[in-house]
Amino acid sequence: MKSEKNSLLDVKEFFQRTKDLLRLKPASGRVGFTRELSRGSLNKARLPIQVWGKKEFNDMAGLSPVERKKKLRKKLKKDTFCVILAGGVRFFPEVLEESRKSGLALFLTELSSRKCREAVADFISSVSPDVVKISAGLLRILSLGVLIRGDSGIGKSESVLELISRGHRFVCDDVVQVKKDTNGKLIGTAPRLSRNFMEIRGLGIINIKEIFGARSVLKQSGIDLVIKLSRLKKVQQDKEQDRLGLKFPEDYVVLGIKIPQITIPVAPGRNMATLIEVACKVHVLRRKGYHAPQDIVRRLDRVLSLQ
């Protein structure tokens, strides 16, 4: 029973969680606040939350009150979760009347309809059952979407910053929102609040887009590889450490999908950005079928066979 309740989202919860982000104000009291929506249905292409702006207002402006009511009844479908009037537009009395008859919550916001729809889409993604948040950075390196993860204070953000300065593209830092697309591929995005921002010890919060330019950032990226930064002592404690790299990378599992993961030891004097770049190049070559450790073993076997 508890799990069933947790799978539902009601309008009251939606309002409490988005009222600051969307600057929402109830226009019809608490009408419709108990309306529920299955979180599983949030994967549908059409958002269950209707956002009306100046365009919708203009479409209804030339109609008579009777025609306006007919149009509203068609728009306010049974599966509509709630309605948001965006852009600070004034609404017709018929809108409030018909929303109350339908038992639909009606909200007002000063945000433009475009910004409101984007924020609603971000919220919908965050509560979808096929979305998780991972503590990591995400960059686009050599056509690969690369998650960079590791313990706090290990130098992830500094490595990410160095990679950005080398021309690789930044998606997000610290927290990555990961979802599955319709083809089952993992897609990583930044939470809306922290998009384009990252924190560097000693510098504080910096805006990557403003510093490096618009071409340095991406809104989202597929995820192809995970780089795990680990302290050297931890790696040395692994008795089965594969120094030649004969083994394939271990897997990192997200939403049931396995992603190849390469662990790189961190120690003073090691250039982590260069090592991450090389790890990406190694992975690209592996996908093409070339494995340097196997190549050197074959050469060694040939030399030994001639003795």
C-alpha atoms as a PDB file:
ATOM      1  CA  MET A   1       0.000   0.000   0.000  1.00  0.00           C
ATOM      2  CA  LYS A   2       2.871   2.348   0.820  1.00  0.00           C
ATOM      3  CA  SER A   3       4.634   1.687  -2.478  1.00  0.00           C
ATOM      4  CA  GLU A   4       1.390   2.378  -4.337  1.00  0.00           C
ATOM      5  CA  LYS A   5       1.032   5.731  -2.561  1.00  0.00           C
ATOM      6  CA  ASN A   6       4.650   6.637  -3.338  1.00  0.00           C
ATOM      7  CA  SER A   7       4.007   5.980  -7.042  1.00  0.00           C
ATOM      8  CA  LEU A   8       1.449   8.816  -7.117  1.00  0.00           C
ATOM      9  CA  LEU A   9       1.978  12.562  -7.307  1.00  0.00           C
ATOM     10  CA  ASP A  10      -0.813  14.895  -6.234  1.00  0.00           C
ATOM     11  CA  VAL A  11      -1.296  18.581  -7.069  1.00  0.00           C
ATOM     12  CA  LYS A  12      -0.618  19.616  -3.479  1.00  0.00           C
ATOM     13  CA  GLU A  13       2.858  18.024  -3.599  1.00  0.00           C
ATOM     14  CA  PHE A  14       3.475  19.543  -7.043  1.00  0.00           C
ATOM     15  CA  PHE A  15       2.600  23.018  -5.723  1.00  0.00           C
ATOM     16  CA  GLN A  16       4.740  22.673  -2.596  1.00  0.00           C
ATOM     17  CA  ARG A  17       7.761  21.515  -4.568  1.00  0.00           C
ATOM     18  CA  THR A  18       7.522  24.040  -7.426  1.00  0.00           C
ATOM     19  CA  LYS A  19       5.921  27.167  -5.948  1.00  0.00           C
ATOM     20  CA  ASP A  20       9.289  28.934  -5.587  1.00  0.00           C
ATOM     21  CA  LEU A  21      10.809  27.629  -8.815  1.00  0.00           C
ATOM     22  CA  LEU A  22       7.724  28.485 -10.885  1.00  0.00           C
ATOM     23  CA  ARG A  23       6.585  31.426  -8.709  1.00  0.00           C
ATOM     24  CA  LEU A  24       3.130  29.880  -8.494  1.00  0.00           C
ATOM     25  CA  LYS A  25       0.071  31.433  -6.907  1.00  0.00           C
ATOM     26  CA  PRO A  26      -3.217  29.490  -6.631  1.00  0.00           C
ATOM     27  CA  ALA A  27      -6.013  31.228  -8.546  1.00  0.00           C
ATOM     28  CA  SER A  28      -8.810  28.961  -7.344  1.00  0.00           C
ATOM     29  CA  GLY A  29      -7.926  28.245  -3.734  1.00  0.00           C
ATOM     30  CA  ARG A  30      -7.259  24.577  -3.134  1.00  0.00           C
ATOM     31  CA  VAL A  31      -9.577  23.281  -5.832  1.00  0.00           C
ATOM     32  CA  GLY A  32      -8.010  20.220  -7.482  1.00  0.00           C
ATOM     33  CA  PHE A  33      -5.218  19.843  -4.912  1.00  0.00           C
ATOM     34  CA  THR A  34      -6.114  16.179  -4.301  1.00  0.00           C
ATOM     35  CA  ARG A  35      -5.955  15.237  -8.001  1.00  0.00           C
ATOM     36  CA  GLU A  36      -3.366  12.485  -8.462  1.00  0.00           C
ATOM     37  CA  LEU A  37      -1.111  11.419 -11.266  1.00  0.00           C
ATOM     38  CA  SER A  38       0.816   8.178 -11.638  1.00  0.00           C
ATOM     39  CA  ARG A  39       4.552   8.854 -11.769  1.00  0.00           C
ATOM     40  CA  GLY A  40       4.796   6.083 -14.335  1.00  0.00           C
ATOM     41  CA  SER A  41       2.714   8.145 -16.775  1.00  0.00           C
ATOM     42  CA  LEU A  42       5.239  10.997 -16.640  1.00  0.00           C
ATOM     43  CA  ASN A  43       7.248   9.414 -19.450  1.00  0.00           C
ATOM     44  CA  LYS A  44       4.605  10.361 -22.007  1.00  0.00           C
ATOM     45  CA  ALA A  45       5.590  12.910 -24.651  1.00  0.00           C
ATOM     46  CA  ARG A  46       2.615  15.175 -23.878  1.00  0.00           C
ATOM     47  CA  LEU A  47       2.939  16.876 -20.521  1.00  0.00           C
ATOM     48  CA  PRO A  48      -0.142  16.410 -18.291  1.00  0.00           C
ATOM     49  CA  ILE A  49       0.328  19.978 -17.003  1.00  0.00           C
ATOM     50  CA  GLN A  50      -1.089  22.641 -19.316  1.00  0.00           C
ATOM     51  CA  VAL A  51       0.729  25.985 -19.545  1.00  0.00           C
ATOM     52  CA  TRP A  52      -1.205  28.805 -21.162  1.00  0.00           C
ATOM     53  CA  GLY A  53       0.368  32.101 -22.185  1.00  0.00           C
ATOM     54  CA  LYS A  54      -0.362  35.057 -24.450  1.00  0.00           C
ATOM     55  CA  LYS A  55      -1.028  32.840 -27.468  1.00  0.00           C
ATOM     56  CA  GLU A  56      -3.805  30.939 -25.707  1.00  0.00           C
ATOM     57  CA  PHE A  57      -5.180  34.209 -24.315  1.00  0.00           C
ATOM     58  CA  ASN A  58      -5.291  35.752 -27.804  1.00  0.00           C
ATOM     59  CA  ASP A  59      -6.994  32.629 -29.216  1.00  0.00           C
ATOM     60  CA  MET A  60      -9.853  33.105 -26.759  1.00  0.00           C
ATOM     61  CA  ALA A  61      -9.992  36.908 -26.815  1.00  0.00           C
ATOM     62  CA  GLY A  62     -12.166  37.129 -29.939  1.00  0.00           C
ATOM     63  CA  LEU A  63     -14.689  34.524 -28.773  1.00  0.00           C
ATOM     64  CA  SER A  64     -18.022  35.123 -27.103  1.00  0.00           C
ATOM     65  CA  PRO A  65     -18.438  33.829 -23.509  1.00  0.00           C
ATOM     66  CA  VAL A  66     -20.438  30.824 -24.814  1.00  0.00           C
ATOM     67  CA  GLU A  67     -17.820  29.941 -27.453  1.00  0.00           C
ATOM     68  CA  ARG A  68     -15.087  30.436 -24.892  1.00  0.00           C
ATOM     69  CA  LYS A  69     -16.713  27.918 -22.550  1.00  0.00           C
ATOM     70  CA  LYS A  70     -16.981  25.339 -25.343  1.00  0.00           C
ATOM     71  CA  LYS A  71     -13.306  25.789 -26.219  1.00  0.00           C
ATOM     72  CA  LEU A  72     -12.277  25.502 -22.574  1.00  0.00           C
ATOM     73  CA  ARG A  73     -14.234  22.261 -22.111  1.00  0.00           C
ATOM     74  CA  LYS A  74     -12.308  20.756 -25.030  1.00  0.00           C
ATOM     75  CA  LYS A  75      -8.960  21.926 -23.653  1.00  0.00           C
ATOM     76  CA  LEU A  76      -9.580  20.821 -20.083  1.00  0.00           C
ATOM     77  CA  LYS A  77      -9.330  17.094 -20.705  1.00  0.00           C
ATOM     78  CA  LYS A  78      -9.882  14.440 -18.058  1.00  0.00           C
ATOM     79  CA  ASP A  79      -6.188  13.541 -17.843  1.00  0.00           C
ATOM     80  CA  THR A  80      -5.081  17.169 -17.315  1.00  0.00           C
ATOM     81  CA  PHE A  81      -3.254  17.453 -13.987  1.00  0.00           C
ATOM     82  CA  CYS A  82      -3.473  21.228 -13.530  1.00  0.00           C
ATOM     83  CA  VAL A  83      -3.351  24.480 -15.526  1.00  0.00           C
ATOM     84  CA  ILE A  84      -0.786  27.270 -15.214  1.00  0.00           C
ATOM     85  CA  LEU A  85      -1.478  30.739 -16.640  1.00  0.00           C
ATOM     86  CA  ALA A  86       1.956  32.127 -17.497  1.00  0.00           C
ATOM     87  CA  GLY A  87       3.370  35.510 -18.410  1.00  0.00           C
ATOM     88  CA  GLY A  88       1.179  37.399 -15.970  1.00  0.00           C
ATOM     89  CA  VAL A  89      -1.768  37.324 -18.400  1.00  0.00           C
ATOM     90  CA  ARG A  90      -5.161  38.242 -17.001  1.00  0.00           C
ATOM     91  CA  PHE A  91      -7.684  35.460 -17.424  1.00  0.00           C
ATOM     92  CA  PHE A  92     -11.323  35.433 -18.411  1.00  0.00           C
ATOM     93  CA  PRO A  93     -13.972  34.614 -15.774  1.00  0.00           C
ATOM     94  CA  GLU A  94     -14.907  31.557 -17.849  1.00  0.00           C
ATOM     95  CA  VAL A  95     -11.439  30.066 -17.260  1.00  0.00           C
ATOM     96  CA  LEU A  96     -11.897  30.109 -13.493  1.00  0.00           C
ATOM     97  CA  GLU A  97     -15.483  28.897 -13.781  1.00  0.00           C
ATOM     98  CA  GLU A  98     -14.699  25.947 -16.054  1.00  0.00           C
ATOM     99  CA  SER A  99     -11.579  24.920 -14.096  1.00  0.00           C
ATOM    100  CA  ARG A 100     -13.652  24.761 -10.908  1.00  0.00           C
ATOM    101  CA  LYS A 101     -16.366  22.718 -12.641  1.00  0.00           C
ATOM    102  CA  SER A 102     -13.673  20.301 -13.853  1.00  0.00           C
ATOM    103  CA  GLY A 103     -12.056  20.154 -10.410  1.00  0.00           C
ATOM    104  CA  LEU A 104      -8.763  21.402 -11.847  1.00  0.00           C
ATOM    105  CA  ALA A 105      -6.240  23.495  -9.928  1.00  0.00           C
ATOM    106  CA  LEU A 106      -5.508  26.817 -11.611  1.00  0.00           C
ATOM    107  CA  PHE A 107      -2.206  28.621 -10.954  1.00  0.00           C
ATOM    108  CA  LEU A 108      -0.746  31.989 -11.939  1.00  0.00           C
ATOM    109  CA  THR A 109       2.914  32.822 -12.615  1.00  0.00           C
ATOM    110  CA  GLU A 110       4.867  35.839 -13.856  1.00  0.00           C
ATOM    111  CA  LEU A 111       7.276  33.537 -15.746  1.00  0.00           C
ATOM    112  CA  SER A 112       6.976  33.512 -19.532  1.00  0.00           C
ATOM    113  CA  SER A 113       5.179  30.492 -20.981  1.00  0.00           C
ATOM    114  CA  ARG A 114       8.460  29.248 -22.513  1.00  0.00           C
ATOM    115  CA  LYS A 115      10.409  29.396 -19.251  1.00  0.00           C
ATOM    116  CA  CYS A 116       7.483  27.922 -17.376  1.00  0.00           C
ATOM    117  CA  ARG A 117       7.217  24.945 -19.763  1.00  0.00           C
ATOM    118  CA  GLU A 118      10.968  24.325 -19.482  1.00  0.00           C
ATOM    119  CA  ALA A 119      10.808  24.388 -15.685  1.00  0.00           C
ATOM    120  CA  VAL A 120       7.759  22.086 -15.674  1.00  0.00           C
ATOM    121  CA  ALA A 121       9.547  19.645 -18.011  1.00  0.00           C
ATOM    122  CA  ASP A 122      12.577  19.629 -15.689  1.00  0.00           C
ATOM    123  CA  PHE A 123      10.359  18.911 -12.698  1.00  0.00           C
ATOM    124  CA  ILE A 124       8.530  16.125 -14.535  1.00  0.00           C
ATOM    125  CA  SER A 125      11.895  14.546 -15.385  1.00  0.00           C
ATOM    126  CA  SER A 126      13.049  14.766 -11.778  1.00  0.00           C
ATOM    127  CA  VAL A 127      10.075  12.768 -10.441  1.00  0.00           C
ATOM    128  CA  SER A 128       9.936  10.222 -13.254  1.00  0.00           C
ATOM    129  CA  PRO A 129      10.583   6.633 -12.103  1.00  0.00           C
ATOM    130  CA  ASP A 130      13.193   6.327 -14.883  1.00  0.00           C
ATOM    131  CA  VAL A 131      15.358   9.178 -13.553  1.00  0.00           C
ATOM    132  CA  VAL A 132      18.160   9.051 -10.972  1.00  0.00           C
ATOM    133  CA  LYS A 133      20.595  11.627  -9.641  1.00  0.00           C
ATOM    134  CA  ILE A 134      24.287  10.698  -9.497  1.00  0.00           C
ATOM    135  CA  SER A 135      27.094  12.505  -7.709  1.00  0.00           C
ATOM    136  CA  ALA A 136      29.471  13.085 -10.615  1.00  0.00           C
ATOM    137  CA  GLY A 137      30.507  15.478 -13.361  1.00  0.00           C
ATOM    138  CA  LEU A 138      29.541  15.002 -17.003  1.00  0.00           C
ATOM    139  CA  LEU A 139      31.524  16.128 -20.049  1.00  0.00           C
ATOM    140  CA  ARG A 140      31.624  15.440 -23.778  1.00  0.00           C
ATOM    141  CA  ILE A 141      35.157  14.214 -24.537  1.00  0.00           C
ATOM    142  CA  LEU A 142      36.201  12.902 -27.981  1.00  0.00           C
ATOM    143  CA  SER A 143      32.572  12.172 -28.976  1.00  0.00           C
ATOM    144  CA  LEU A 144      32.040  10.290 -25.686  1.00  0.00           C
ATOM    145  CA  GLY A 145      29.709  11.285 -22.868  1.00  0.00           C
ATOM    146  CA  VAL A 146      31.953  10.790 -19.831  1.00  0.00           C
ATOM    147  CA  LEU A 147      30.818  10.634 -16.207  1.00  0.00           C
ATOM    148  CA  ILE A 148      33.632  11.588 -13.815  1.00  0.00           C
ATOM    149  CA  ARG A 149      33.040  10.321 -10.298  1.00  0.00           C
ATOM    150  CA  GLY A 150      35.041   9.856  -7.102  1.00  0.00           C
ATOM    151  CA  ASP A 151      35.216  10.712  -3.409  1.00  0.00           C
ATOM    152  CA  SER A 152      34.648  14.270  -2.200  1.00  0.00           C
ATOM    153  CA  GLY A 153      37.817  16.383  -2.307  1.00  0.00           C
ATOM    154  CA  ILE A 154      39.634  14.066  -4.716  1.00  0.00           C
ATOM    155  CA  GLY A 155      39.862  16.712  -7.452  1.00  0.00           C
ATOM    156  CA  LYS A 156      36.939  15.960  -9.779  1.00  0.00           C
ATOM    157  CA  SER A 157      35.981  19.593 -10.346  1.00  0.00           C
ATOM    158  CA  GLU A 158      39.572  20.697 -10.921  1.00  0.00           C
ATOM    159  CA  SER A 159      40.021  17.919 -13.506  1.00  0.00           C
ATOM    160  CA  VAL A 160      36.743  18.891 -15.183  1.00  0.00           C
ATOM    161  CA  LEU A 161      37.853  22.539 -15.341  1.00  0.00           C
ATOM    162  CA  GLU A 162      41.171  21.584 -16.958  1.00  0.00           C
ATOM    163  CA  LEU A 163      39.363  19.445 -19.541  1.00  0.00           C
ATOM    164  CA  ILE A 164      36.996  22.321 -20.375  1.00  0.00           C
ATOM    165  CA  SER A 165      39.995  24.627 -20.887  1.00  0.00           C
ATOM    166  CA  ARG A 166      41.307  22.077 -23.425  1.00  0.00           C
ATOM    167  CA  GLY A 167      38.140  22.412 -25.495  1.00  0.00           C
ATOM    168  CA  HIS A 168      35.987  19.565 -24.182  1.00  0.00           C
ATOM    169  CA  ARG A 169      32.343  20.419 -23.534  1.00  0.00           C
ATOM    170  CA  PHE A 170      30.736  20.744 -20.111  1.00  0.00           C
ATOM    171  CA  VAL A 171      27.290  19.419 -19.172  1.00  0.00           C
ATOM    172  CA  CYS A 172      27.286  19.558 -15.396  1.00  0.00           C
ATOM    173  CA  ASP A 173      29.301  19.269 -12.215  1.00  0.00           C
ATOM    174  CA  ASP A 174      28.637  17.610  -8.869  1.00  0.00           C
ATOM    175  CA  VAL A 175      25.127  16.264  -9.647  1.00  0.00           C
ATOM    176  CA  VAL A 176      23.976  14.613 -12.883  1.00  0.00           C
ATOM    177  CA  GLN A 177      20.327  13.844 -13.601  1.00  0.00           C
ATOM    178  CA  VAL A 178      20.230  10.610 -15.620  1.00  0.00           C
ATOM    179  CA  LYS A 179      17.272   9.218 -17.548  1.00  0.00           C
ATOM    180  CA  LYS A 180      16.616   6.614 -20.230  1.00  0.00           C
ATOM    181  CA  ASP A 181      15.498   7.788 -23.651  1.00  0.00           C
ATOM    182  CA  THR A 182      13.023   5.911 -25.856  1.00  0.00           C
ATOM    183  CA  ASN A 183      15.878   3.777 -27.260  1.00  0.00           C
ATOM    184  CA  GLY A 184      17.063   2.744 -23.798  1.00  0.00           C
ATOM    185  CA  LYS A 185      20.186   4.956 -23.941  1.00  0.00           C
ATOM    186  CA  LEU A 186      21.231   6.896 -20.843  1.00  0.00           C
ATOM    187  CA  ILE A 187      21.050  10.679 -21.114  1.00  0.00           C
ATOM    188  CA  GLY A 188      22.626  13.002 -18.547  1.00  0.00           C
ATOM    189  CA  THR A 189      21.532  16.584 -17.851  1.00  0.00           C
ATOM    190  CA  ALA A 190      22.221  19.220 -15.212  1.00  0.00           C
ATOM    191  CA  PRO A 191      19.543  20.137 -12.661  1.00  0.00           C
ATOM    192  CA  ARG A 192      18.033  23.407 -13.851  1.00  0.00           C
ATOM    193  CA  LEU A 193      19.270  25.395 -10.845  1.00  0.00           C
ATOM    194  CA  SER A 194      22.947  24.457 -11.327  1.00  0.00           C
ATOM    195  CA  ARG A 195      23.062  24.414 -15.143  1.00  0.00           C
ATOM    196  CA  ASN A 196      26.336  25.981 -16.461  1.00  0.00           C
ATOM    197  CA  PHE A 197      27.671  26.415 -12.904  1.00  0.00           C
ATOM    198  CA  MET A 198      30.371  24.598 -10.978  1.00  0.00           C
ATOM    199  CA  GLU A 199      32.123  25.039  -7.634  1.00  0.00           C
ATOM    200  CA  ILE A 200      35.898  25.270  -7.361  1.00  0.00           C
ATOM    201  CA  ARG A 201      37.565  25.374  -3.956  1.00  0.00           C
ATOM    202  CA  GLY A 202      39.166  28.780  -3.488  1.00  0.00           C
ATOM    203  CA  LEU A 203      37.171  30.365  -6.322  1.00  0.00           C
ATOM    204  CA  GLY A 204      33.633  29.553  -5.253  1.00  0.00           C
ATOM    205  CA  ILE A 205      30.811  29.280  -7.807  1.00  0.00           C
ATOM    206  CA  ILE A 206      31.799  29.993 -11.418  1.00  0.00           C
ATOM    207  CA  ASN A 207      29.737  30.143 -14.620  1.00  0.00           C
ATOM    208  CA  ILE A 208      31.373  28.005 -17.320  1.00  0.00           C
ATOM    209  CA  LYS A 209      29.310  29.507 -20.146  1.00  0.00           C
ATOM    210  CA  GLU A 210      30.280  33.075 -19.220  1.00  0.00           C
ATOM    211  CA  ILE A 211      33.982  32.230 -18.817  1.00  0.00           C
ATOM    212  CA  PHE A 212      34.589  29.859 -21.744  1.00  0.00           C
ATOM    213  CA  GLY A 213      31.724  30.820 -24.080  1.00  0.00           C
ATOM    214  CA  ALA A 214      28.506  29.203 -25.290  1.00  0.00           C
ATOM    215  CA  ARG A 215      30.339  26.502 -27.282  1.00  0.00           C
ATOM    216  CA  SER A 216      31.883  25.147 -24.085  1.00  0.00           C
ATOM    217  CA  VAL A 217      28.565  23.894 -22.675  1.00  0.00           C
ATOM    218  CA  LEU A 218      25.930  21.336 -23.631  1.00  0.00           C
ATOM    219  CA  LYS A 219      22.442  20.996 -22.212  1.00  0.00           C
ATOM    220  CA  GLN A 220      22.660  17.195 -22.217  1.00  0.00           C
ATOM    221  CA  SER A 221      24.732  14.262 -23.419  1.00  0.00           C
ATOM    222  CA  GLY A 222      24.492  10.524 -23.804  1.00  0.00           C
ATOM    223  CA  ILE A 223      26.635   8.563 -21.329  1.00  0.00           C
ATOM    224  CA  ASP A 224      29.189   6.166 -22.828  1.00  0.00           C
ATOM    225  CA  LEU A 225      31.964   5.848 -20.241  1.00  0.00           C
ATOM    226  CA  VAL A 226      32.538   6.310 -16.503  1.00  0.00           C
ATOM    227  CA  ILE A 227      35.889   7.493 -15.141  1.00  0.00           C
ATOM    228  CA  LYS A 228      36.282   6.760 -11.438  1.00  0.00           C
ATOM    229  CA  LEU A 229      38.981   8.734  -9.628  1.00  0.00           C
ATOM    230  CA  SER A 230      40.277   6.763  -6.663  1.00  0.00           C
ATOM    231  CA  ARG A 231      43.011   7.481  -4.142  1.00  0.00           C
ATOM    232  CA  LEU A 232      46.181   5.533  -4.947  1.00  0.00           C
ATOM    233  CA  LYS A 233      46.222   3.753  -1.576  1.00  0.00           C
ATOM    234  CA  LYS A 234      42.772   2.297  -2.231  1.00  0.00           C
ATOM    235  CA  VAL A 235      43.857   1.019  -5.641  1.00  0.00           C
ATOM    236  CA  GLN A 236      47.055  -0.471  -4.186  1.00  0.00           C
ATOM    237  CA  GLN A 237      44.960  -2.406  -1.659  1.00  0.00           C
ATOM    238  CA  ASP A 238      43.273  -4.242  -4.532  1.00  0.00           C
ATOM    239  CA  LYS A 239      45.234  -7.481  -4.692  1.00  0.00           C
ATOM    240  CA  GLU A 240      43.916  -8.232  -8.165  1.00  0.00           C
ATOM    241  CA  GLN A 241      45.097  -4.930  -9.645  1.00  0.00           C
ATOM    242  CA  ASP A 242      45.618  -5.370 -13.392  1.00  0.00           C
ATOM    243  CA  ARG A 243      48.688  -3.257 -14.206  1.00  0.00           C
ATOM    244  CA  LEU A 244      48.844  -4.275 -17.861  1.00  0.00           C
ATOM    245  CA  GLY A 245      45.180  -3.511 -18.506  1.00  0.00           C
ATOM    246  CA  LEU A 246      44.464  -6.951 -19.919  1.00  0.00           C
ATOM    247  CA  LYS A 247      41.036  -6.986 -18.306  1.00  0.00           C
ATOM    248  CA  PHE A 248      38.132  -5.052 -19.732  1.00  0.00           C
ATOM    249  CA  PRO A 249      36.906  -2.152 -17.602  1.00  0.00           C
ATOM    250  CA  GLU A 250      34.455  -2.976 -14.855  1.00  0.00           C
ATOM    251  CA  ASP A 251      30.820  -1.963 -15.307  1.00  0.00           C
ATOM    252  CA  TYR A 252      28.935   0.834 -13.585  1.00  0.00           C
ATOM    253  CA  VAL A 253      25.194   0.138 -13.526  1.00  0.00           C
ATOM    254  CA  VAL A 254      22.635   2.955 -13.845  1.00  0.00           C
ATOM    255  CA  LEU A 255      18.897   2.261 -14.244  1.00  0.00           C
ATOM    256  CA  GLY A 256      19.742  -1.347 -15.085  1.00  0.00           C
ATOM    257  CA  ILE A 257      22.120  -0.370 -17.923  1.00  0.00           C
ATOM    258  CA  LYS A 258      25.829  -1.281 -17.737  1.00  0.00           C
ATOM    259  CA  ILE A 259      28.385   1.394 -18.636  1.00  0.00           C
ATOM    260  CA  PRO A 260      32.118   0.610 -18.955  1.00  0.00           C
ATOM    261  CA  GLN A 261      34.077   2.108 -16.053  1.00  0.00           C
ATOM    262  CA  ILE A 262      37.808   2.830 -15.852  1.00  0.00           C
ATOM    263  CA  THR A 263      39.406   3.506 -12.457  1.00  0.00           C
ATOM    264  CA  ILE A 264      42.312   5.968 -12.408  1.00  0.00           C
ATOM    265  CA  PRO A 265      44.472   6.252  -9.263  1.00  0.00           C
ATOM    266  CA  VAL A 266      44.936   9.809  -7.973  1.00  0.00           C
ATOM    267  CA  ALA A 267      48.269  10.840  -6.451  1.00  0.00           C
ATOM    268  CA  PRO A 268      50.329  14.046  -6.175  1.00  0.00           C
ATOM    269  CA  GLY A 269      52.076  14.904  -9.434  1.00  0.00           C
ATOM    270  CA  ARG A 270      49.696  12.969 -11.702  1.00  0.00           C
ATOM    271  CA  ASN A 271      48.036  15.055 -14.421  1.00  0.00           C
ATOM    272  CA  MET A 272      44.491  13.774 -14.082  1.00  0.00           C
ATOM    273  CA  ALA A 273      43.074  15.705 -17.047  1.00  0.00           C
ATOM    274  CA  THR A 274      45.643  14.132 -19.387  1.00  0.00           C
ATOM    275  CA  LEU A 275      45.007  10.675 -17.950  1.00  0.00           C
ATOM    276  CA  ILE A 276      41.247  11.098 -18.424  1.00  0.00           C
ATOM    277  CA  GLU A 277      41.780  12.142 -22.059  1.00  0.00           C
ATOM    278  CA  VAL A 278      44.010   9.132 -22.674  1.00  0.00           C
ATOM    279  CA  ALA A 279      41.487   6.823 -20.965  1.00  0.00           C
ATOM    280  CA  CYS A 280      38.844   8.095 -23.395  1.00  0.00           C
ATOM    281  CA  LYS A 281      41.144   7.467 -26.372  1.00  0.00           C
ATOM    282  CA  VAL A 282      41.888   3.962 -25.055  1.00  0.00           C
ATOM    283  CA  HIS A 283      38.130   3.305 -24.808  1.00  0.00           C
ATOM    284  CA  VAL A 284      37.540   4.548 -28.368  1.00  0.00           C
ATOM    285  CA  LEU A 285      40.276   2.218 -29.651  1.00  0.00           C
ATOM    286  CA  ARG A 286      38.815  -0.694 -27.683  1.00  0.00           C
ATOM    287  CA  ARG A 287      35.439  -0.116 -29.331  1.00  0.00           C
ATOM    288  CA  LYS A 288      37.217  -0.279 -32.693  1.00  0.00           C
ATOM    289  CA  GLY A 289      38.774  -3.594 -31.692  1.00  0.00           C
ATOM    290  CA  TYR A 290      42.321  -2.527 -30.812  1.00  0.00           C
ATOM    291  CA  HIS A 291      43.708  -3.485 -27.375  1.00  0.00           C
ATOM    292  CA  ALA A 292      47.274  -2.372 -26.643  1.00  0.00           C
ATOM    293  CA  PRO A 293      47.870  -4.900 -23.803  1.00  0.00           C
ATOM    294  CA  GLN A 294      46.857  -7.791 -26.070  1.00  0.00           C
ATOM    295  CA  ASP A 295      49.081  -6.362 -28.822  1.00  0.00           C
ATOM    296  CA  ILE A 296      52.158  -6.306 -26.557  1.00  0.00           C
ATOM    297  CA  VAL A 297      51.393  -9.834 -25.315  1.00  0.00           C
ATOM    298  CA  ARG A 298      51.225 -11.082 -28.925  1.00  0.00           C
ATOM    299  CA  ARG A 299      54.577  -9.434 -29.672  1.00  0.00           C
ATOM    300  CA  LEU A 300      56.100 -11.008 -26.567  1.00  0.00           C
ATOM    301  CA  ASP A 301      54.735 -14.410 -27.569  1.00  0.00           C
ATOM    302  CA  ARG A 302      56.321 -14.067 -31.029  1.00  0.00           C
ATOM    303  CA  VAL A 303      59.725 -13.169 -29.549  1.00  0.00           C
ATOM    304  CA  LEU A 304      59.567 -16.092 -27.115  1.00  0.00           C
ATOM    305  CA  SER A 305      58.555 -18.514 -29.883  1.00  0.00           C
ATOM    306  CA  LEU A 306      61.716 -17.628 -31.861  1.00  0.00           C
ATOM    307  CA  GLN A 307      64.056 -18.487 -28.983  1.00  0.00           C
END
